[in-house]
């Protein structure tokens, strides 16, 4: 395959909009599809071409990127009405960049390959705000030659590419990453509420844990700029975090691993979603804990 000039893009939500903006700024032609008419209008305003089906997004494109919420949406993009795989791939690349179950990644890769497409597994690290600033980190899996082909595309959208080996490896690493991040946010939120219950000042709590092994990215960067200053608009929504934790828990169970922490975390975020925080930032788990705090026991 020669140089990539035209990119099909399926899924123009917060991440997709940020990524297509960077691709257009990088000189690529982008033809995109989304179920949302407003998302299509946004693409056109940015200089992209809006199309009416996943298959149309792939017409004439050397690389097609899929960035949709979960397995059913990938299935629809591939095999639904006007699906991408209904046209022969002829050795072109479909790069799935959403966070989905690793077993589904392997199944989709087999389906795509049978239709003549080369499958690249490339989930994205960091949320949409970082994507807009070209600060995304990409976990890249696939054939060596396909990874080389998509490298300029990824460079246009982010700042880091980590080669994770063959298809499926990146998906596992991304699920583990999001699992640890979701757990980390919950631990920080619970710790903050414990410190408050004891009358300790939040700033001193953060100062201490951030100078020890207890600190993490949430305590150092995310919570101080989000929930702790009253901003719970989604950088990464609780409903997406809940989905990823559920994927991780299922993967652990299938692998025969104990899920000491996963089940409790899934329950906590599900309760937060049901408490009105589904579309709020996952740091809003701090707000949810404050909402449901029980009276102390003597």
C-alpha atoms as a PDB file:
ATOM      1  CA  UNK A   1       0.000   0.000   0.000  1.00  0.00           C
ATOM      2  CA  UNK A   2       1.237   3.496  -0.832  1.00  0.00           C
ATOM      3  CA  UNK A   3       1.047   6.591   1.309  1.00  0.00           C
ATOM      4  CA  UNK A   4      -2.216   7.165   3.151  1.00  0.00           C
ATOM      5  CA  UNK A   5      -4.116  10.141   1.769  1.00  0.00           C
ATOM      6  CA  UNK A   6      -7.787   9.381   2.433  1.00  0.00           C
ATOM      7  CA  UNK A   7      -9.087   8.126   5.770  1.00  0.00           C
ATOM      8  CA  UNK A   8     -12.538   6.776   6.445  1.00  0.00           C
ATOM      9  CA  UNK A   9     -13.732   7.460   9.982  1.00  0.00           C
ATOM     10  CA  UNK A  10     -16.669   5.674  11.613  1.00  0.00           C
ATOM     11  CA  UNK A  11     -17.787   7.196  14.912  1.00  0.00           C
ATOM     12  CA  UNK A  12     -17.681  10.970  15.360  1.00  0.00           C
ATOM     13  CA  UNK A  13     -18.359  11.402  19.072  1.00  0.00           C
ATOM     14  CA  UNK A  14     -16.086  13.324  21.429  1.00  0.00           C
ATOM     15  CA  UNK A  15     -13.027  11.215  20.603  1.00  0.00           C
ATOM     16  CA  UNK A  16     -13.846  10.942  16.921  1.00  0.00           C
ATOM     17  CA  UNK A  17     -14.363  14.670  16.566  1.00  0.00           C
ATOM     18  CA  UNK A  18     -11.039  15.403  18.252  1.00  0.00           C
ATOM     19  CA  UNK A  19      -9.190  12.844  16.160  1.00  0.00           C
ATOM     20  CA  UNK A  20     -10.689  13.867  12.814  1.00  0.00           C
ATOM     21  CA  UNK A  21      -9.851  17.494  13.565  1.00  0.00           C
ATOM     22  CA  UNK A  22      -6.202  16.558  13.968  1.00  0.00           C
ATOM     23  CA  UNK A  23      -6.233  14.411  10.836  1.00  0.00           C
ATOM     24  CA  UNK A  24      -7.660  17.260   8.788  1.00  0.00           C
ATOM     25  CA  UNK A  25      -5.078  19.641  10.242  1.00  0.00           C
ATOM     26  CA  UNK A  26      -2.429  17.093   9.248  1.00  0.00           C
ATOM     27  CA  UNK A  27      -3.474  17.252   5.602  1.00  0.00           C
ATOM     28  CA  UNK A  28      -5.462  14.027   5.316  1.00  0.00           C
ATOM     29  CA  UNK A  29      -8.781  13.815   3.496  1.00  0.00           C
ATOM     30  CA  UNK A  30     -11.372  12.507   5.961  1.00  0.00           C
ATOM     31  CA  UNK A  31     -14.730  11.008   5.033  1.00  0.00           C
ATOM     32  CA  UNK A  32     -16.759  10.200   8.107  1.00  0.00           C
ATOM     33  CA  UNK A  33     -19.922   8.456   9.212  1.00  0.00           C
ATOM     34  CA  UNK A  34     -21.937   8.675  12.409  1.00  0.00           C
ATOM     35  CA  UNK A  35     -25.518   7.904  13.384  1.00  0.00           C
ATOM     36  CA  UNK A  36     -25.821  11.490  14.677  1.00  0.00           C
ATOM     37  CA  UNK A  37     -26.715  14.148  12.071  1.00  0.00           C
ATOM     38  CA  UNK A  38     -25.117  16.808  14.288  1.00  0.00           C
ATOM     39  CA  UNK A  39     -21.840  14.890  14.372  1.00  0.00           C
ATOM     40  CA  UNK A  40     -21.866  14.764  10.573  1.00  0.00           C
ATOM     41  CA  UNK A  41     -22.494  18.512  10.396  1.00  0.00           C
ATOM     42  CA  UNK A  42     -19.613  19.116  12.793  1.00  0.00           C
ATOM     43  CA  UNK A  43     -17.309  17.118  10.509  1.00  0.00           C
ATOM     44  CA  UNK A  44     -18.353  19.148   7.480  1.00  0.00           C
ATOM     45  CA  UNK A  45     -17.758  22.412   9.335  1.00  0.00           C
ATOM     46  CA  UNK A  46     -14.253  21.168  10.154  1.00  0.00           C
ATOM     47  CA  UNK A  47     -13.538  20.457   6.488  1.00  0.00           C
ATOM     48  CA  UNK A  48     -14.308  16.747   6.304  1.00  0.00           C
ATOM     49  CA  UNK A  49     -16.744  14.904   4.053  1.00  0.00           C
ATOM     50  CA  UNK A  50     -19.883  13.439   5.643  1.00  0.00           C
ATOM     51  CA  UNK A  51     -21.167  10.150   4.205  1.00  0.00           C
ATOM     52  CA  UNK A  52     -24.305   8.106   4.793  1.00  0.00           C
ATOM     53  CA  UNK A  53     -22.978   4.679   5.775  1.00  0.00           C
ATOM     54  CA  UNK A  54     -19.922   2.878   7.138  1.00  0.00           C
ATOM     55  CA  UNK A  55     -19.371   1.369   3.716  1.00  0.00           C
ATOM     56  CA  UNK A  56     -19.328   4.811   2.119  1.00  0.00           C
ATOM     57  CA  UNK A  57     -16.705   5.900   4.637  1.00  0.00           C
ATOM     58  CA  UNK A  58     -14.474   3.176   3.261  1.00  0.00           C
ATOM     59  CA  UNK A  59     -14.862   4.016  -0.432  1.00  0.00           C
ATOM     60  CA  UNK A  60     -11.458   5.006  -1.781  1.00  0.00           C
ATOM     61  CA  UNK A  61      -9.897   5.146   1.697  1.00  0.00           C
ATOM     62  CA  UNK A  62      -6.552   3.503   2.347  1.00  0.00           C
ATOM     63  CA  UNK A  63      -7.286   3.319   6.092  1.00  0.00           C
ATOM     64  CA  UNK A  64     -10.654   3.185   7.858  1.00  0.00           C
ATOM     65  CA  UNK A  65     -10.754   4.050  11.563  1.00  0.00           C
ATOM     66  CA  UNK A  66     -13.537   2.754  13.801  1.00  0.00           C
ATOM     67  CA  UNK A  67     -14.114   4.692  17.037  1.00  0.00           C
ATOM     68  CA  UNK A  68     -17.520   3.679  18.406  1.00  0.00           C
ATOM     69  CA  UNK A  69     -18.708   2.852  21.940  1.00  0.00           C
ATOM     70  CA  UNK A  70     -18.739  -0.945  22.131  1.00  0.00           C
ATOM     71  CA  UNK A  71     -19.056  -4.323  20.435  1.00  0.00           C
ATOM     72  CA  UNK A  72     -22.621  -3.889  19.054  1.00  0.00           C
ATOM     73  CA  UNK A  73     -21.608  -0.665  17.309  1.00  0.00           C
ATOM     74  CA  UNK A  74     -18.512  -2.284  15.786  1.00  0.00           C
ATOM     75  CA  UNK A  75     -20.711  -5.157  14.624  1.00  0.00           C
ATOM     76  CA  UNK A  76     -23.119  -2.686  12.997  1.00  0.00           C
ATOM     77  CA  UNK A  77     -20.271  -0.769  11.362  1.00  0.00           C
ATOM     78  CA  UNK A  78     -18.843  -3.987   9.932  1.00  0.00           C
ATOM     79  CA  UNK A  79     -21.900  -6.037   9.040  1.00  0.00           C
ATOM     80  CA  UNK A  80     -25.006  -3.876   9.427  1.00  0.00           C
ATOM     81  CA  UNK A  81     -26.875  -2.040   6.689  1.00  0.00           C
ATOM     82  CA  UNK A  82     -24.278  -0.403   4.458  1.00  0.00           C
ATOM     83  CA  UNK A  83     -21.565  -2.111   6.497  1.00  0.00           C
ATOM     84  CA  UNK A  84     -17.893  -1.671   5.773  1.00  0.00           C
ATOM     85  CA  UNK A  85     -17.184  -5.368   5.231  1.00  0.00           C
ATOM     86  CA  UNK A  86     -19.843  -5.705   2.540  1.00  0.00           C
ATOM     87  CA  UNK A  87     -17.271  -4.259   0.143  1.00  0.00           C
ATOM     88  CA  UNK A  88     -13.981  -6.087  -0.474  1.00  0.00           C
ATOM     89  CA  UNK A  89     -11.046  -4.700   1.448  1.00  0.00           C
ATOM     90  CA  UNK A  90      -8.449  -5.483  -1.218  1.00  0.00           C
ATOM     91  CA  UNK A  91      -5.725  -5.427   1.420  1.00  0.00           C
ATOM     92  CA  UNK A  92      -6.691  -2.048   2.851  1.00  0.00           C
ATOM     93  CA  UNK A  93      -6.559  -1.413   6.594  1.00  0.00           C
ATOM     94  CA  UNK A  94      -9.372  -1.161   9.110  1.00  0.00           C
ATOM     95  CA  UNK A  95      -8.071   0.159  12.427  1.00  0.00           C
ATOM     96  CA  UNK A  96     -10.390  -0.322  15.399  1.00  0.00           C
ATOM     97  CA  UNK A  97      -9.493   2.186  18.107  1.00  0.00           C
ATOM     98  CA  UNK A  98     -12.284   1.793  20.654  1.00  0.00           C
ATOM     99  CA  UNK A  99     -11.958  -0.103  23.929  1.00  0.00           C
ATOM    100  CA  UNK A 100     -13.778  -3.418  23.545  1.00  0.00           C
ATOM    101  CA  UNK A 101     -13.514  -6.963  24.841  1.00  0.00           C
ATOM    102  CA  UNK A 102     -10.239  -8.560  23.667  1.00  0.00           C
ATOM    103  CA  UNK A 103     -12.086 -11.712  22.597  1.00  0.00           C
ATOM    104  CA  UNK A 104     -14.318  -9.589  20.370  1.00  0.00           C
ATOM    105  CA  UNK A 105     -11.208  -8.005  18.853  1.00  0.00           C
ATOM    106  CA  UNK A 106      -9.977 -11.412  17.709  1.00  0.00           C
ATOM    107  CA  UNK A 107     -13.398 -12.267  16.297  1.00  0.00           C
ATOM    108  CA  UNK A 108     -13.662  -8.968  14.422  1.00  0.00           C
ATOM    109  CA  UNK A 109     -10.133  -9.406  13.091  1.00  0.00           C
ATOM    110  CA  UNK A 110     -11.038 -12.807  11.644  1.00  0.00           C
ATOM    111  CA  UNK A 111     -14.198 -11.383  10.070  1.00  0.00           C
ATOM    112  CA  UNK A 112     -12.357  -8.438   8.556  1.00  0.00           C
ATOM    113  CA  UNK A 113      -9.535 -10.587   7.209  1.00  0.00           C
ATOM    114  CA  UNK A 114     -12.071 -12.914   5.555  1.00  0.00           C
ATOM    115  CA  UNK A 115     -13.454  -9.871   3.709  1.00  0.00           C
ATOM    116  CA  UNK A 116     -10.003  -8.851   2.500  1.00  0.00           C
ATOM    117  CA  UNK A 117      -9.263  -6.165   5.091  1.00  0.00           C
ATOM    118  CA  UNK A 118      -6.091  -5.997   7.179  1.00  0.00           C
ATOM    119  CA  UNK A 119      -7.083  -5.499  10.822  1.00  0.00           C
ATOM    120  CA  UNK A 120      -5.148  -3.205  13.143  1.00  0.00           C
ATOM    121  CA  UNK A 121      -5.974  -3.166  16.860  1.00  0.00           C
ATOM    122  CA  UNK A 122      -5.129   0.288  18.237  1.00  0.00           C
ATOM    123  CA  UNK A 123      -6.948   1.551  21.343  1.00  0.00           C
ATOM    124  CA  UNK A 124      -6.258   5.046  22.624  1.00  0.00           C
ATOM    125  CA  UNK A 125      -4.879   6.178  25.960  1.00  0.00           C
ATOM    126  CA  UNK A 126      -6.030   9.459  27.567  1.00  0.00           C
ATOM    127  CA  UNK A 127      -9.455  11.129  27.196  1.00  0.00           C
ATOM    128  CA  UNK A 128     -10.968  13.416  24.556  1.00  0.00           C
ATOM    129  CA  UNK A 129      -9.477  16.608  26.024  1.00  0.00           C
ATOM    130  CA  UNK A 130      -6.007  15.155  25.497  1.00  0.00           C
ATOM    131  CA  UNK A 131      -6.967  13.959  22.016  1.00  0.00           C
ATOM    132  CA  UNK A 132      -7.895  17.516  21.048  1.00  0.00           C
ATOM    133  CA  UNK A 133      -4.430  18.642  22.151  1.00  0.00           C
ATOM    134  CA  UNK A 134      -2.734  15.822  20.182  1.00  0.00           C
ATOM    135  CA  UNK A 135      -1.582  14.197  23.429  1.00  0.00           C
ATOM    136  CA  UNK A 136      -3.088  10.750  22.839  1.00  0.00           C
ATOM    137  CA  UNK A 137      -1.031   7.614  23.350  1.00  0.00           C
ATOM    138  CA  UNK A 138      -1.736   4.687  21.040  1.00  0.00           C
ATOM    139  CA  UNK A 139      -1.379   0.989  21.815  1.00  0.00           C
ATOM    140  CA  UNK A 140      -0.679  -0.550  18.410  1.00  0.00           C
ATOM    141  CA  UNK A 141      -1.102  -4.202  17.408  1.00  0.00           C
ATOM    142  CA  UNK A 142      -1.120  -5.831  13.997  1.00  0.00           C
ATOM    143  CA  UNK A 143       1.097  -6.963  11.145  1.00  0.00           C
ATOM    144  CA  UNK A 144       4.456  -5.157  11.070  1.00  0.00           C
ATOM    145  CA  UNK A 145       3.787  -3.749   7.600  1.00  0.00           C
ATOM    146  CA  UNK A 146       0.321  -2.519   8.591  1.00  0.00           C
ATOM    147  CA  UNK A 147       1.678  -0.831  11.705  1.00  0.00           C
ATOM    148  CA  UNK A 148       4.211   0.962   9.537  1.00  0.00           C
ATOM    149  CA  UNK A 149       1.462   2.126   7.165  1.00  0.00           C
ATOM    150  CA  UNK A 150      -0.695   3.639   9.910  1.00  0.00           C
ATOM    151  CA  UNK A 151       2.175   5.288  11.779  1.00  0.00           C
ATOM    152  CA  UNK A 152       1.865   8.686   9.977  1.00  0.00           C
ATOM    153  CA  UNK A 153      -1.870   8.627  10.709  1.00  0.00           C
ATOM    154  CA  UNK A 154      -1.226   8.115  14.417  1.00  0.00           C
ATOM    155  CA  UNK A 155       1.510  10.754  14.499  1.00  0.00           C
ATOM    156  CA  UNK A 156      -1.037  13.257  13.181  1.00  0.00           C
ATOM    157  CA  UNK A 157      -3.355  12.467  16.102  1.00  0.00           C
ATOM    158  CA  UNK A 158      -1.115  12.024  19.134  1.00  0.00           C
ATOM    159  CA  UNK A 159       2.252  12.049  20.808  1.00  0.00           C
ATOM    160  CA  UNK A 160       3.049   8.425  21.583  1.00  0.00           C
ATOM    161  CA  UNK A 161       2.900   5.025  19.868  1.00  0.00           C
ATOM    162  CA  UNK A 162       3.590   1.834  21.826  1.00  0.00           C
ATOM    163  CA  UNK A 163       4.042  -1.297  19.710  1.00  0.00           C
ATOM    164  CA  UNK A 164       2.190  -4.055  21.551  1.00  0.00           C
ATOM    165  CA  UNK A 165       2.768  -6.887  19.087  1.00  0.00           C
ATOM    166  CA  UNK A 166       0.143  -8.870  17.146  1.00  0.00           C
ATOM    167  CA  UNK A 167      -3.592  -8.190  17.005  1.00  0.00           C
ATOM    168  CA  UNK A 168      -5.299  -8.598  20.377  1.00  0.00           C
ATOM    169  CA  UNK A 169      -2.373  -7.699  22.606  1.00  0.00           C
ATOM    170  CA  UNK A 170      -3.162  -3.974  22.554  1.00  0.00           C
ATOM    171  CA  UNK A 171      -6.782  -4.665  23.463  1.00  0.00           C
ATOM    172  CA  UNK A 172      -5.761  -6.599  26.575  1.00  0.00           C
ATOM    173  CA  UNK A 173      -3.296  -3.911  27.654  1.00  0.00           C
ATOM    174  CA  UNK A 174      -5.923  -1.183  27.163  1.00  0.00           C
ATOM    175  CA  UNK A 175      -8.503  -3.057  29.219  1.00  0.00           C
ATOM    176  CA  UNK A 176      -5.956  -3.506  32.017  1.00  0.00           C
ATOM    177  CA  UNK A 177      -5.027   0.184  31.794  1.00  0.00           C
ATOM    178  CA  UNK A 178      -8.634   1.332  32.063  1.00  0.00           C
ATOM    179  CA  UNK A 179      -9.311  -1.154  34.846  1.00  0.00           C
ATOM    180  CA  UNK A 180      -6.431   0.201  36.907  1.00  0.00           C
ATOM    181  CA  UNK A 181      -7.422   3.793  36.158  1.00  0.00           C
ATOM    182  CA  UNK A 182     -11.046   3.237  37.158  1.00  0.00           C
ATOM    183  CA  UNK A 183      -9.995   1.491  40.373  1.00  0.00           C
ATOM    184  CA  UNK A 184      -7.492   4.270  41.064  1.00  0.00           C
ATOM    185  CA  UNK A 185     -10.162   6.939  40.756  1.00  0.00           C
ATOM    186  CA  UNK A 186     -12.438   5.080  43.152  1.00  0.00           C
ATOM    187  CA  UNK A 187      -9.646   4.638  45.703  1.00  0.00           C
ATOM    188  CA  UNK A 188      -8.808   8.357  45.596  1.00  0.00           C
ATOM    189  CA  UNK A 189     -12.479   9.311  45.968  1.00  0.00           C
ATOM    190  CA  UNK A 190     -12.935   7.013  48.959  1.00  0.00           C
ATOM    191  CA  UNK A 191      -9.701   8.255  50.522  1.00  0.00           C
ATOM    192  CA  UNK A 192     -10.746  11.879  50.116  1.00  0.00           C
ATOM    193  CA  UNK A 193     -14.096  11.225  51.774  1.00  0.00           C
ATOM    194  CA  UNK A 194     -12.394   9.317  54.618  1.00  0.00           C
ATOM    195  CA  UNK A 195     -10.024  12.246  55.224  1.00  0.00           C
ATOM    196  CA  UNK A 196     -12.944  14.688  55.210  1.00  0.00           C
ATOM    197  CA  UNK A 197     -14.874  12.515  57.665  1.00  0.00           C
ATOM    198  CA  UNK A 198     -11.931  12.769  60.042  1.00  0.00           C
ATOM    199  CA  UNK A 199     -11.763  16.534  59.695  1.00  0.00           C
ATOM    200  CA  UNK A 200      -8.489  16.555  57.784  1.00  0.00           C
ATOM    201  CA  UNK A 201      -7.914  19.251  55.146  1.00  0.00           C
ATOM    202  CA  UNK A 202      -8.080  17.986  51.572  1.00  0.00           C
ATOM    203  CA  UNK A 203      -4.930  19.812  50.510  1.00  0.00           C
ATOM    204  CA  UNK A 204      -2.870  18.145  53.247  1.00  0.00           C
ATOM    205  CA  UNK A 205      -4.290  14.722  52.412  1.00  0.00           C
ATOM    206  CA  UNK A 206      -3.260  15.175  48.780  1.00  0.00           C
ATOM    207  CA  UNK A 207       0.140  16.540  49.769  1.00  0.00           C
ATOM    208  CA  UNK A 208       0.861  13.446  51.844  1.00  0.00           C
ATOM    209  CA  UNK A 209      -0.364  10.757  49.452  1.00  0.00           C
ATOM    210  CA  UNK A 210       1.222  12.443  46.445  1.00  0.00           C
ATOM    211  CA  UNK A 211       4.576  12.249  48.196  1.00  0.00           C
ATOM    212  CA  UNK A 212       4.190   8.508  48.839  1.00  0.00           C
ATOM    213  CA  UNK A 213       3.388   5.346  46.916  1.00  0.00           C
ATOM    214  CA  UNK A 214      -0.314   5.964  47.599  1.00  0.00           C
ATOM    215  CA  UNK A 215      -0.498   8.789  45.078  1.00  0.00           C
ATOM    216  CA  UNK A 216      -1.523   8.270  41.454  1.00  0.00           C
ATOM    217  CA  UNK A 217      -2.485  10.277  38.387  1.00  0.00           C
ATOM    218  CA  UNK A 218      -5.940  10.911  39.790  1.00  0.00           C
ATOM    219  CA  UNK A 219      -4.682  12.375  43.061  1.00  0.00           C
ATOM    220  CA  UNK A 220      -1.907  14.355  41.383  1.00  0.00           C
ATOM    221  CA  UNK A 221      -3.677  15.705  38.310  1.00  0.00           C
ATOM    222  CA  UNK A 222      -7.223  14.622  37.572  1.00  0.00           C
ATOM    223  CA  UNK A 223      -9.227  15.150  40.775  1.00  0.00           C
ATOM    224  CA  UNK A 224      -7.618  18.548  41.574  1.00  0.00           C
ATOM    225  CA  UNK A 225      -8.640  19.801  38.126  1.00  0.00           C
ATOM    226  CA  UNK A 226     -12.053  18.094  37.959  1.00  0.00           C
ATOM    227  CA  UNK A 227     -14.306  17.000  40.839  1.00  0.00           C
ATOM    228  CA  UNK A 228     -12.437  18.896  43.563  1.00  0.00           C
ATOM    229  CA  UNK A 229     -13.018  22.210  41.770  1.00  0.00           C
ATOM    230  CA  UNK A 230     -16.625  21.427  40.889  1.00  0.00           C
ATOM    231  CA  UNK A 231     -16.025  20.403  37.272  1.00  0.00           C
ATOM    232  CA  UNK A 232     -17.608  17.039  36.564  1.00  0.00           C
ATOM    233  CA  UNK A 233     -18.291  17.552  32.871  1.00  0.00           C
ATOM    234  CA  UNK A 234     -16.981  14.442  31.174  1.00  0.00           C
ATOM    235  CA  UNK A 235     -13.382  14.029  30.224  1.00  0.00           C
ATOM    236  CA  UNK A 236     -14.200  10.336  30.541  1.00  0.00           C
ATOM    237  CA  UNK A 237     -17.804   9.579  31.456  1.00  0.00           C
ATOM    238  CA  UNK A 238     -18.790   7.208  34.234  1.00  0.00           C
ATOM    239  CA  UNK A 239     -20.869   5.115  31.823  1.00  0.00           C
ATOM    240  CA  UNK A 240     -17.784   4.493  29.672  1.00  0.00           C
ATOM    241  CA  UNK A 241     -15.688   3.703  32.729  1.00  0.00           C
ATOM    242  CA  UNK A 242     -18.353   1.282  33.937  1.00  0.00           C
ATOM    243  CA  UNK A 243     -18.353  -0.456  30.549  1.00  0.00           C
ATOM    244  CA  UNK A 244     -14.575  -0.875  30.645  1.00  0.00           C
ATOM    245  CA  UNK A 245     -14.555  -2.190  34.213  1.00  0.00           C
ATOM    246  CA  UNK A 246     -17.234  -4.692  33.264  1.00  0.00           C
ATOM    247  CA  UNK A 247     -15.102  -5.830  30.313  1.00  0.00           C
ATOM    248  CA  UNK A 248     -12.116  -6.236  32.633  1.00  0.00           C
ATOM    249  CA  UNK A 249     -14.108  -8.204  35.185  1.00  0.00           C
ATOM    250  CA  UNK A 250     -15.428 -10.546  32.493  1.00  0.00           C
ATOM    251  CA  UNK A 251     -11.948 -11.056  31.089  1.00  0.00           C
ATOM    252  CA  UNK A 252     -10.563 -11.856  34.544  1.00  0.00           C
ATOM    253  CA  UNK A 253     -13.296 -14.408  35.186  1.00  0.00           C
ATOM    254  CA  UNK A 254     -12.737 -16.116  31.820  1.00  0.00           C
ATOM    255  CA  UNK A 255      -8.994 -16.231  32.544  1.00  0.00           C
ATOM    256  CA  UNK A 256      -9.648 -17.954  35.872  1.00  0.00           C
ATOM    257  CA  UNK A 257      -8.399 -14.979  37.890  1.00  0.00           C
ATOM    258  CA  UNK A 258      -9.986 -13.845  41.160  1.00  0.00           C
ATOM    259  CA  UNK A 259     -11.710 -10.477  40.947  1.00  0.00           C
ATOM    260  CA  UNK A 260     -11.144  -9.250  44.486  1.00  0.00           C
ATOM    261  CA  UNK A 261     -11.629  -5.587  43.574  1.00  0.00           C
ATOM    262  CA  UNK A 262     -13.378  -5.560  40.198  1.00  0.00           C
ATOM    263  CA  UNK A 263     -16.851  -6.570  41.368  1.00  0.00           C
ATOM    264  CA  UNK A 264     -16.984  -3.905  44.072  1.00  0.00           C
ATOM    265  CA  UNK A 265     -15.779  -1.234  41.656  1.00  0.00           C
ATOM    266  CA  UNK A 266     -18.378  -2.200  39.054  1.00  0.00           C
ATOM    267  CA  UNK A 267     -21.087  -1.983  41.723  1.00  0.00           C
ATOM    268  CA  UNK A 268     -19.850   1.433  42.881  1.00  0.00           C
ATOM    269  CA  UNK A 269     -19.812   2.976  39.408  1.00  0.00           C
ATOM    270  CA  UNK A 270     -23.149   1.380  38.513  1.00  0.00           C
ATOM    271  CA  UNK A 271     -24.685   2.983  41.598  1.00  0.00           C
ATOM    272  CA  UNK A 272     -23.140   6.319  40.603  1.00  0.00           C
ATOM    273  CA  UNK A 273     -24.607   5.996  37.113  1.00  0.00           C
ATOM    274  CA  UNK A 274     -28.022   5.248  38.584  1.00  0.00           C
ATOM    275  CA  UNK A 275     -27.586   8.257  40.896  1.00  0.00           C
ATOM    276  CA  UNK A 276     -27.481  10.614  37.907  1.00  0.00           C
ATOM    277  CA  UNK A 277     -23.764  10.629  37.145  1.00  0.00           C
ATOM    278  CA  UNK A 278     -23.708   8.326  34.101  1.00  0.00           C
ATOM    279  CA  UNK A 279     -22.740  11.118  31.724  1.00  0.00           C
ATOM    280  CA  UNK A 280     -20.511  12.960  34.180  1.00  0.00           C
ATOM    281  CA  UNK A 281     -16.762  12.614  34.554  1.00  0.00           C
ATOM    282  CA  UNK A 282     -15.586   9.504  36.369  1.00  0.00           C
ATOM    283  CA  UNK A 283     -14.086  11.718  39.082  1.00  0.00           C
ATOM    284  CA  UNK A 284     -17.748  12.347  40.011  1.00  0.00           C
ATOM    285  CA  UNK A 285     -17.562   9.053  41.893  1.00  0.00           C
ATOM    286  CA  UNK A 286     -16.339  11.423  44.629  1.00  0.00           C
ATOM    287  CA  UNK A 287     -19.653  13.306  44.436  1.00  0.00           C
ATOM    288  CA  UNK A 288     -21.617  10.070  44.497  1.00  0.00           C
ATOM    289  CA  UNK A 289     -19.851   8.880  47.651  1.00  0.00           C
ATOM    290  CA  UNK A 290     -20.716  12.201  49.283  1.00  0.00           C
ATOM    291  CA  UNK A 291     -24.356  11.806  48.247  1.00  0.00           C
ATOM    292  CA  UNK A 292     -24.759   8.346  49.759  1.00  0.00           C
ATOM    293  CA  UNK A 293     -22.592   8.751  52.836  1.00  0.00           C
ATOM    294  CA  UNK A 294     -24.164   6.966  55.785  1.00  0.00           C
ATOM    295  CA  UNK A 295     -24.375   8.371  59.264  1.00  0.00           C
ATOM    296  CA  UNK A 296     -21.352   7.325  61.346  1.00  0.00           C
ATOM    297  CA  UNK A 297     -21.722   4.355  63.651  1.00  0.00           C
ATOM    298  CA  UNK A 298     -20.972   4.975  67.323  1.00  0.00           C
END
